[in-house]
All heavy atoms as atom14 arrays in JSON, in Angstrom:
{
  "sequence": "EGYERSRAVWVGDSLTSDAPCAASLGIDFILYRPKGAPEG",
  "atom14_mask": [
    [1, 1, 1, 1, 1, 1, 1, 1, 1, 0, 0, 0, 0, 0],
    [1, 1, 1, 1, 0, 0, 0, 0, 0, 0, 0, 0, 0, 0],
    [1, 1, 1, 1, 1, 1, 1, 1, 1, 1, 1, 1, 0, 0],
    [1, 1, 1, 1, 1, 1, 1, 1, 1, 0, 0, 0, 0, 0],
    [1, 1, 1, 1, 1, 1, 1, 1, 1, 1, 1, 0, 0, 0],
    [1, 1, 1, 1, 1, 1, 0, 0, 0, 0, 0, 0, 0, 0],
    [1, 1, 1, 1, 1, 1, 1, 1, 1, 1, 1, 0, 0, 0],
    [1, 1, 1, 1, 1, 0, 0, 0, 0, 0, 0, 0, 0, 0],
    [1, 1, 1, 1, 1, 1, 1, 0, 0, 0, 0, 0, 0, 0],
    [1, 1, 1, 1, 1, 1, 1, 1, 1, 1, 1, 1, 1, 1],
    [1, 1, 1, 1, 1, 1, 1, 0, 0, 0, 0, 0, 0, 0],
    [1, 1, 1, 1, 0, 0, 0, 0, 0, 0, 0, 0, 0, 0],
    [1, 1, 1, 1, 1, 1, 1, 1, 0, 0, 0, 0, 0, 0],
    [1, 1, 1, 1, 1, 1, 0, 0, 0, 0, 0, 0, 0, 0],
    [1, 1, 1, 1, 1, 1, 1, 1, 0, 0, 0, 0, 0, 0],
    [1, 1, 1, 1, 1, 1, 1, 0, 0, 0, 0, 0, 0, 0],
    [1, 1, 1, 1, 1, 1, 0, 0, 0, 0, 0, 0, 0, 0],
    [1, 1, 1, 1, 1, 1, 1, 1, 0, 0, 0, 0, 0, 0],
    [1, 1, 1, 1, 1, 0, 0, 0, 0, 0, 0, 0, 0, 0],
    [1, 1, 1, 1, 1, 1, 1, 0, 0, 0, 0, 0, 0, 0],
    [1, 1, 1, 1, 1, 1, 0, 0, 0, 0, 0, 0, 0, 0],
    [1, 1, 1, 1, 1, 0, 0, 0, 0, 0, 0, 0, 0, 0],
    [1, 1, 1, 1, 1, 0, 0, 0, 0, 0, 0, 0, 0, 0],
    [1, 1, 1, 1, 1, 1, 0, 0, 0, 0, 0, 0, 0, 0],
    [1, 1, 1, 1, 1, 1, 1, 1, 0, 0, 0, 0, 0, 0],
    [1, 1, 1, 1, 0, 0, 0, 0, 0, 0, 0, 0, 0, 0],
    [1, 1, 1, 1, 1, 1, 1, 1, 0, 0, 0, 0, 0, 0],
    [1, 1, 1, 1, 1, 1, 1, 1, 0, 0, 0, 0, 0, 0],
    [1, 1, 1, 1, 1, 1, 1, 1, 1, 1, 1, 0, 0, 0],
    [1, 1, 1, 1, 1, 1, 1, 1, 0, 0, 0, 0, 0, 0],
    [1, 1, 1, 1, 1, 1, 1, 1, 0, 0, 0, 0, 0, 0],
    [1, 1, 1, 1, 1, 1, 1, 1, 1, 1, 1, 1, 0, 0],
    [1, 1, 1, 1, 1, 1, 1, 1, 1, 1, 1, 0, 0, 0],
    [1, 1, 1, 1, 1, 1, 1, 0, 0, 0, 0, 0, 0, 0],
    [1, 1, 1, 1, 1, 1, 1, 1, 1, 0, 0, 0, 0, 0],
    [1, 1, 1, 1, 0, 0, 0, 0, 0, 0, 0, 0, 0, 0],
    [1, 1, 1, 1, 1, 0, 0, 0, 0, 0, 0, 0, 0, 0],
    [1, 1, 1, 1, 1, 1, 1, 0, 0, 0, 0, 0, 0, 0],
    [1, 1, 1, 1, 1, 1, 1, 1, 1, 0, 0, 0, 0, 0],
    [1, 1, 1, 1, 0, 0, 0, 0, 0, 0, 0, 0, 0, 0]
  ],
  "atom14_positions": [
    [[17.62, 27.13, -26.9], [16.6, 27.57, -27.86], [15.37, 26.67, -27.77], [15.47, 25.44, -27.69], [17.17, 27.53, -29.27], [16.24, 28.1, -30.32], [16.86, 28.13, -31.71], [18.07, 27.82, -31.83], [16.14, 28.48, -32.66], [0.0, 0.0, 0.0], [0.0, 0.0, 0.0], [0.0, 0.0, 0.0], [0.0, 0.0, 0.0], [0.0, 0.0, 0.0]],
    [[14.21, 27.28, -27.76], [12.96, 26.52, -27.73], [12.7, 25.85, -26.41], [11.93, 24.89, -26.33], [0.0, 0.0, 0.0], [0.0, 0.0, 0.0], [0.0, 0.0, 0.0], [0.0, 0.0, 0.0], [0.0, 0.0, 0.0], [0.0, 0.0, 0.0], [0.0, 0.0, 0.0], [0.0, 0.0, 0.0], [0.0, 0.0, 0.0], [0.0, 0.0, 0.0]],
    [[13.32, 26.35, -25.35], [13.19, 25.73, -24.03], [11.78, 25.91, -23.47], [11.21, 26.99, -23.5], [14.2, 26.37, -23.07], [14.19, 25.79, -21.67], [14.98, 24.7, -21.35], [13.39, 26.34, -20.68], [14.98, 24.17, -20.07], [13.37, 25.82, -19.4], [14.18, 24.75, -19.1], [14.17, 24.22, -17.82], [0.0, 0.0, 0.0], [0.0, 0.0, 0.0]],
    [[11.24, 24.83, -22.94], [9.97, 24.86, -22.22], [10.13, 23.98, -20.99], [10.61, 22.85, -21.08], [8.82, 24.33, -23.09], [8.48, 25.21, -24.28], [7.35, 24.63, -25.11], [6.66, 23.69, -24.62], [7.16, 25.1, -26.25], [0.0, 0.0, 0.0], [0.0, 0.0, 0.0], [0.0, 0.0, 0.0], [0.0, 0.0, 0.0], [0.0, 0.0, 0.0]],
    [[9.77, 24.51, -19.85], [9.97, 23.78, -18.6], [9.26, 22.43, -18.58], [9.78, 21.47, -18.01], [9.51, 24.64, -17.41], [10.39, 25.86, -17.19], [10.02, 26.61, -15.93], [10.97, 27.69, -15.67], [10.98, 28.44, -14.57], [10.08, 28.2, -13.62], [11.88, 29.39, -14.41], [0.0, 0.0, 0.0], [0.0, 0.0, 0.0], [0.0, 0.0, 0.0]],
    [[8.1, 22.36, -19.18], [7.34, 21.11, -19.17], [8.04, 19.99, -19.93], [7.76, 18.81, -19.71], [5.95, 21.34, -19.75], [6.04, 21.74, -21.11], [0.0, 0.0, 0.0], [0.0, 0.0, 0.0], [0.0, 0.0, 0.0], [0.0, 0.0, 0.0], [0.0, 0.0, 0.0], [0.0, 0.0, 0.0], [0.0, 0.0, 0.0], [0.0, 0.0, 0.0]],
    [[8.96, 20.38, -20.81], [9.66, 19.38, -21.64], [11.02, 19.0, -21.07], [11.71, 18.13, -21.62], [9.83, 19.94, -23.06], [8.52, 20.15, -23.8], [8.69, 21.1, -24.97], [9.75, 20.67, -25.88], [10.26, 21.45, -26.83], [9.81, 22.69, -26.97], [11.22, 20.98, -27.62], [0.0, 0.0, 0.0], [0.0, 0.0, 0.0], [0.0, 0.0, 0.0]],
    [[11.43, 19.64, -19.99], [12.79, 19.44, -19.46], [12.82, 18.55, -18.21], [11.89, 18.57, -17.4], [13.41, 20.79, -19.14], [0.0, 0.0, 0.0], [0.0, 0.0, 0.0], [0.0, 0.0, 0.0], [0.0, 0.0, 0.0], [0.0, 0.0, 0.0], [0.0, 0.0, 0.0], [0.0, 0.0, 0.0], [0.0, 0.0, 0.0], [0.0, 0.0, 0.0]],
    [[13.91, 17.8, -18.1], [14.16, 17.01, -16.9], [15.66, 17.07, -16.61], [16.48, 17.02, -17.51], [13.69, 15.55, -17.06], [14.35, 14.87, -18.25], [13.95, 14.75, -15.78], [0.0, 0.0, 0.0], [0.0, 0.0, 0.0], [0.0, 0.0, 0.0], [0.0, 0.0, 0.0], [0.0, 0.0, 0.0], [0.0, 0.0, 0.0], [0.0, 0.0, 0.0]],
    [[15.98, 17.21, -15.33], [17.38, 17.3, -14.87], [17.75, 15.99, -14.19], [17.02, 15.5, -13.33], [17.5, 18.46, -13.88], [18.88, 18.89, -13.51], [19.85, 18.13, -12.9], [19.45, 20.19, -13.68], [20.98, 18.87, -12.7], [20.76, 20.16, -13.16], [18.98, 21.39, -14.2], [21.61, 21.26, -13.15], [19.81, 22.48, -14.2], [21.11, 22.43, -13.68]],
    [[18.88, 15.41, -14.57], [19.35, 14.16, -13.97], [20.73, 14.4, -13.37], [21.65, 14.83, -14.08], [19.42, 13.02, -15.0], [19.85, 11.71, -14.32], [18.08, 12.84, -15.71], [0.0, 0.0, 0.0], [0.0, 0.0, 0.0], [0.0, 0.0, 0.0], [0.0, 0.0, 0.0], [0.0, 0.0, 0.0], [0.0, 0.0, 0.0], [0.0, 0.0, 0.0]],
    [[20.88, 14.12, -12.1], [22.18, 14.32, -11.45], [22.3, 13.55, -10.16], [21.3, 13.04, -9.63], [0.0, 0.0, 0.0], [0.0, 0.0, 0.0], [0.0, 0.0, 0.0], [0.0, 0.0, 0.0], [0.0, 0.0, 0.0], [0.0, 0.0, 0.0], [0.0, 0.0, 0.0], [0.0, 0.0, 0.0], [0.0, 0.0, 0.0], [0.0, 0.0, 0.0]],
    [[23.52, 13.49, -9.64], [23.77, 12.69, -8.43], [23.73, 13.51, -7.15], [23.79, 12.96, -6.05], [25.15, 12.04, -8.52], [26.27, 13.05, -8.37], [26.42, 13.91, -9.25], [26.98, 12.98, -7.36], [0.0, 0.0, 0.0], [0.0, 0.0, 0.0], [0.0, 0.0, 0.0], [0.0, 0.0, 0.0], [0.0, 0.0, 0.0], [0.0, 0.0, 0.0]],
    [[23.66, 14.84, -7.25], [23.83, 15.69, -6.08], [22.54, 16.37, -5.63], [21.86, 17.03, -6.41], [24.89, 16.76, -6.35], [24.99, 17.64, -5.25], [0.0, 0.0, 0.0], [0.0, 0.0, 0.0], [0.0, 0.0, 0.0], [0.0, 0.0, 0.0], [0.0, 0.0, 0.0], [0.0, 0.0, 0.0], [0.0, 0.0, 0.0], [0.0, 0.0, 0.0]],
    [[22.28, 16.24, -4.32], [21.14, 16.92, -3.73], [21.51, 18.34, -3.3], [20.64, 19.11, -2.9], [20.62, 16.14, -2.51], [19.93, 14.82, -2.83], [19.54, 14.1, -1.56], [18.71, 15.04, -3.72], [0.0, 0.0, 0.0], [0.0, 0.0, 0.0], [0.0, 0.0, 0.0], [0.0, 0.0, 0.0], [0.0, 0.0, 0.0], [0.0, 0.0, 0.0]],
    [[22.8, 18.69, -3.39], [23.22, 20.03, -2.99], [23.56, 20.92, -4.19], [23.68, 22.13, -4.02], [24.44, 19.97, -2.05], [25.51, 19.27, -2.7], [24.08, 19.28, -0.75], [0.0, 0.0, 0.0], [0.0, 0.0, 0.0], [0.0, 0.0, 0.0], [0.0, 0.0, 0.0], [0.0, 0.0, 0.0], [0.0, 0.0, 0.0], [0.0, 0.0, 0.0]],
    [[23.73, 20.33, -5.36], [24.01, 21.17, -6.53], [23.0, 20.96, -7.66], [22.53, 21.92, -8.27], [25.43, 20.94, -7.06], [25.59, 19.63, -7.54], [0.0, 0.0, 0.0], [0.0, 0.0, 0.0], [0.0, 0.0, 0.0], [0.0, 0.0, 0.0], [0.0, 0.0, 0.0], [0.0, 0.0, 0.0], [0.0, 0.0, 0.0], [0.0, 0.0, 0.0]],
    [[22.64, 19.72, -7.94], [21.71, 19.45, -9.05], [20.25, 19.69, -8.66], [19.52, 20.38, -9.37], [21.88, 18.01, -9.54], [23.25, 17.76, -10.15], [23.64, 18.55, -11.03], [23.93, 16.81, -9.72], [0.0, 0.0, 0.0], [0.0, 0.0, 0.0], [0.0, 0.0, 0.0], [0.0, 0.0, 0.0], [0.0, 0.0, 0.0], [0.0, 0.0, 0.0]],
    [[19.85, 19.09, -7.55], [18.45, 19.21, -7.13], [18.01, 20.67, -6.93], [16.91, 21.05, -7.37], [18.21, 18.4, -5.85], [0.0, 0.0, 0.0], [0.0, 0.0, 0.0], [0.0, 0.0, 0.0], [0.0, 0.0, 0.0], [0.0, 0.0, 0.0], [0.0, 0.0, 0.0], [0.0, 0.0, 0.0], [0.0, 0.0, 0.0], [0.0, 0.0, 0.0]],
    [[18.82, 21.53, -6.29], [18.39, 22.92, -6.12], [18.21, 23.66, -7.45], [17.31, 24.51, -7.58], [19.52, 23.54, -5.3], [20.12, 22.4, -4.56], [20.05, 21.26, -5.52], [0.0, 0.0, 0.0], [0.0, 0.0, 0.0], [0.0, 0.0, 0.0], [0.0, 0.0, 0.0], [0.0, 0.0, 0.0], [0.0, 0.0, 0.0], [0.0, 0.0, 0.0]],
    [[19.04, 23.34, -8.44], [18.9, 23.98, -9.75], [17.58, 23.59, -10.39], [16.85, 24.44, -10.92], [20.06, 23.58, -10.66], [21.61, 24.41, -10.31], [0.0, 0.0, 0.0], [0.0, 0.0, 0.0], [0.0, 0.0, 0.0], [0.0, 0.0, 0.0], [0.0, 0.0, 0.0], [0.0, 0.0, 0.0], [0.0, 0.0, 0.0], [0.0, 0.0, 0.0]],
    [[17.26, 22.31, -10.35], [16.0, 21.85, -10.92], [14.82, 22.48, -10.19], [13.83, 22.9, -10.81], [15.92, 20.32, -10.84], [0.0, 0.0, 0.0], [0.0, 0.0, 0.0], [0.0, 0.0, 0.0], [0.0, 0.0, 0.0], [0.0, 0.0, 0.0], [0.0, 0.0, 0.0], [0.0, 0.0, 0.0], [0.0, 0.0, 0.0], [0.0, 0.0, 0.0]],
    [[14.94, 22.58, -8.86], [13.86, 23.17, -8.07], [13.66, 24.65, -8.41], [12.52, 25.12, -8.52], [14.16, 23.01, -6.58], [0.0, 0.0, 0.0], [0.0, 0.0, 0.0], [0.0, 0.0, 0.0], [0.0, 0.0, 0.0], [0.0, 0.0, 0.0], [0.0, 0.0, 0.0], [0.0, 0.0, 0.0], [0.0, 0.0, 0.0], [0.0, 0.0, 0.0]],
    [[14.76, 25.38, -8.6], [14.64, 26.8, -8.91], [14.03, 27.03, -10.28], [13.4, 28.06, -10.53], [16.01, 27.49, -8.81], [16.85, 27.12, -9.87], [0.0, 0.0, 0.0], [0.0, 0.0, 0.0], [0.0, 0.0, 0.0], [0.0, 0.0, 0.0], [0.0, 0.0, 0.0], [0.0, 0.0, 0.0], [0.0, 0.0, 0.0], [0.0, 0.0, 0.0]],
    [[14.18, 26.04, -11.16], [13.58, 26.14, -12.5], [12.15, 25.61, -12.53], [11.42, 25.84, -13.49], [14.43, 25.36, -13.51], [15.8, 25.93, -13.86], [16.54, 24.99, -14.8], [15.68, 27.31, -14.48], [0.0, 0.0, 0.0], [0.0, 0.0, 0.0], [0.0, 0.0, 0.0], [0.0, 0.0, 0.0], [0.0, 0.0, 0.0], [0.0, 0.0, 0.0]],
    [[11.79, 24.86, -11.49], [10.46, 24.28, -11.46], [10.3, 23.13, -12.44], [9.22, 22.94, -13.02], [0.0, 0.0, 0.0], [0.0, 0.0, 0.0], [0.0, 0.0, 0.0], [0.0, 0.0, 0.0], [0.0, 0.0, 0.0], [0.0, 0.0, 0.0], [0.0, 0.0, 0.0], [0.0, 0.0, 0.0], [0.0, 0.0, 0.0], [0.0, 0.0, 0.0]],
    [[11.39, 22.36, -12.63], [11.32, 21.23, -13.57], [11.54, 19.91, -12.82], [11.99, 19.89, -11.67], [12.37, 21.36, -14.69], [13.8, 21.3, -14.13], [12.14, 22.65, -15.48], [14.88, 21.27, -15.2], [0.0, 0.0, 0.0], [0.0, 0.0, 0.0], [0.0, 0.0, 0.0], [0.0, 0.0, 0.0], [0.0, 0.0, 0.0], [0.0, 0.0, 0.0]],
    [[11.22, 18.82, -13.49], [11.39, 17.5, -12.9], [12.86, 17.19, -12.66], [13.73, 17.59, -13.45], [10.79, 16.43, -13.82], [9.28, 16.48, -13.86], [8.67, 16.37, -12.77], [8.7, 16.64, -14.94], [0.0, 0.0, 0.0], [0.0, 0.0, 0.0], [0.0, 0.0, 0.0], [0.0, 0.0, 0.0], [0.0, 0.0, 0.0], [0.0, 0.0, 0.0]],
    [[13.12, 16.46, -11.59], [14.48, 16.08, -11.23], [14.52, 14.6, -10.89], [13.66, 14.08, -10.18], [14.97, 16.88, -10.02], [16.3, 16.43, -9.48], [17.46, 16.64, -10.21], [16.39, 15.75, -8.27], [18.7, 16.2, -9.73], [17.61, 15.32, -7.78], [18.77, 15.54, -8.51], [0.0, 0.0, 0.0], [0.0, 0.0, 0.0], [0.0, 0.0, 0.0]],
    [[15.56, 13.93, -11.41], [15.79, 12.52, -11.06], [17.16, 12.42, -10.41], [18.17, 12.8, -11.0], [15.74, 11.62, -12.31], [14.35, 11.64, -12.93], [16.12, 10.18, -11.94], [14.26, 10.88, -14.25], [0.0, 0.0, 0.0], [0.0, 0.0, 0.0], [0.0, 0.0, 0.0], [0.0, 0.0, 0.0], [0.0, 0.0, 0.0], [0.0, 0.0, 0.0]],
    [[17.18, 11.93, -9.2], [18.44, 11.69, -8.5], [19.01, 10.37, -8.99], [18.33, 9.34, -8.95], [18.19, 11.61, -6.99], [19.41, 11.31, -6.11], [20.41, 12.46, -6.15], [18.96, 11.02, -4.68], [0.0, 0.0, 0.0], [0.0, 0.0, 0.0], [0.0, 0.0, 0.0], [0.0, 0.0, 0.0], [0.0, 0.0, 0.0], [0.0, 0.0, 0.0]],
    [[20.25, 10.41, -9.5], [20.88, 9.18, -9.95], [21.82, 8.67, -8.86], [22.88, 9.26, -8.62], [21.65, 9.37, -11.26], [22.29, 8.08, -11.73], [21.51, 7.06, -12.25], [23.66, 7.86, -11.59], [22.07, 5.85, -12.63], [24.24, 6.66, -11.97], [23.43, 5.66, -12.49], [23.99, 4.46, -12.85], [0.0, 0.0, 0.0], [0.0, 0.0, 0.0]],
    [[21.44, 7.6, -8.19], [22.22, 7.04, -7.09], [22.11, 5.51, -7.13], [21.12, 4.94, -6.68], [21.7, 7.53, -5.74], [21.97, 9.01, -5.43], [23.35, 9.23, -4.87], [23.54, 10.63, -4.48], [23.32, 11.1, -3.25], [22.91, 10.29, -2.29], [23.54, 12.37, -2.98], [0.0, 0.0, 0.0], [0.0, 0.0, 0.0], [0.0, 0.0, 0.0]],
    [[23.12, 4.82, -7.68], [23.06, 3.35, -7.73], [22.86, 2.7, -6.37], [22.28, 1.61, -6.27], [24.42, 2.99, -8.33], [24.75, 4.16, -9.2], [24.27, 5.36, -8.41], [0.0, 0.0, 0.0], [0.0, 0.0, 0.0], [0.0, 0.0, 0.0], [0.0, 0.0, 0.0], [0.0, 0.0, 0.0], [0.0, 0.0, 0.0], [0.0, 0.0, 0.0]],
    [[23.33, 3.36, -5.31], [23.18, 2.79, -3.96], [21.86, 3.17, -3.31], [21.57, 2.76, -2.18], [24.34, 3.26, -3.07], [25.69, 2.7, -3.51], [26.8, 3.15, -2.57], [28.14, 2.58, -3.0], [29.25, 3.0, -2.1], [0.0, 0.0, 0.0], [0.0, 0.0, 0.0], [0.0, 0.0, 0.0], [0.0, 0.0, 0.0], [0.0, 0.0, 0.0]],
    [[21.04, 3.9, -4.02], [19.74, 4.28, -3.49], [19.73, 5.66, -2.9], [20.77, 6.25, -2.6], [0.0, 0.0, 0.0], [0.0, 0.0, 0.0], [0.0, 0.0, 0.0], [0.0, 0.0, 0.0], [0.0, 0.0, 0.0], [0.0, 0.0, 0.0], [0.0, 0.0, 0.0], [0.0, 0.0, 0.0], [0.0, 0.0, 0.0], [0.0, 0.0, 0.0]],
    [[18.53, 6.19, -2.71], [18.36, 7.54, -2.18], [18.71, 7.6, -0.7], [18.53, 6.62, 0.03], [16.92, 8.0, -2.38], [0.0, 0.0, 0.0], [0.0, 0.0, 0.0], [0.0, 0.0, 0.0], [0.0, 0.0, 0.0], [0.0, 0.0, 0.0], [0.0, 0.0, 0.0], [0.0, 0.0, 0.0], [0.0, 0.0, 0.0], [0.0, 0.0, 0.0]],
    [[19.23, 8.74, -0.25], [19.52, 8.89, 1.17], [18.23, 8.93, 1.97], [17.16, 9.24, 1.45], [20.26, 10.22, 1.24], [19.8, 10.97, 0.04], [19.58, 9.93, -1.02], [0.0, 0.0, 0.0], [0.0, 0.0, 0.0], [0.0, 0.0, 0.0], [0.0, 0.0, 0.0], [0.0, 0.0, 0.0], [0.0, 0.0, 0.0], [0.0, 0.0, 0.0]],
    [[18.34, 8.63, 3.23], [17.17, 8.61, 4.11], [16.51, 9.98, 4.12], [17.16, 11.02, 4.22], [17.6, 8.23, 5.52], [16.45, 8.05, 6.49], [16.9, 7.58, 7.86], [18.1, 7.28, 8.02], [16.05, 7.53, 8.76], [0.0, 0.0, 0.0], [0.0, 0.0, 0.0], [0.0, 0.0, 0.0], [0.0, 0.0, 0.0], [0.0, 0.0, 0.0]],
    [[15.2, 9.97, 3.97], [14.44, 11.2, 4.02], [14.16, 11.82, 2.67], [13.3, 12.71, 2.56], [0.0, 0.0, 0.0], [0.0, 0.0, 0.0], [0.0, 0.0, 0.0], [0.0, 0.0, 0.0], [0.0, 0.0, 0.0], [0.0, 0.0, 0.0], [0.0, 0.0, 0.0], [0.0, 0.0, 0.0], [0.0, 0.0, 0.0], [0.0, 0.0, 0.0]]
  ]
}
C-alpha cells in the first residue's frame, strides 16, 4: 500500500535473483556481500 518506486530500495545478496527483481521494478538495489562485489 502506498508504494512508490522512488521511495523503495531492494537489499539482497544475489545477482541472479535479487538484482533482476530490482531492475525490473526500476528501483535502487544494494548488493550485500561482506567479501565484496564480484569482478565486473
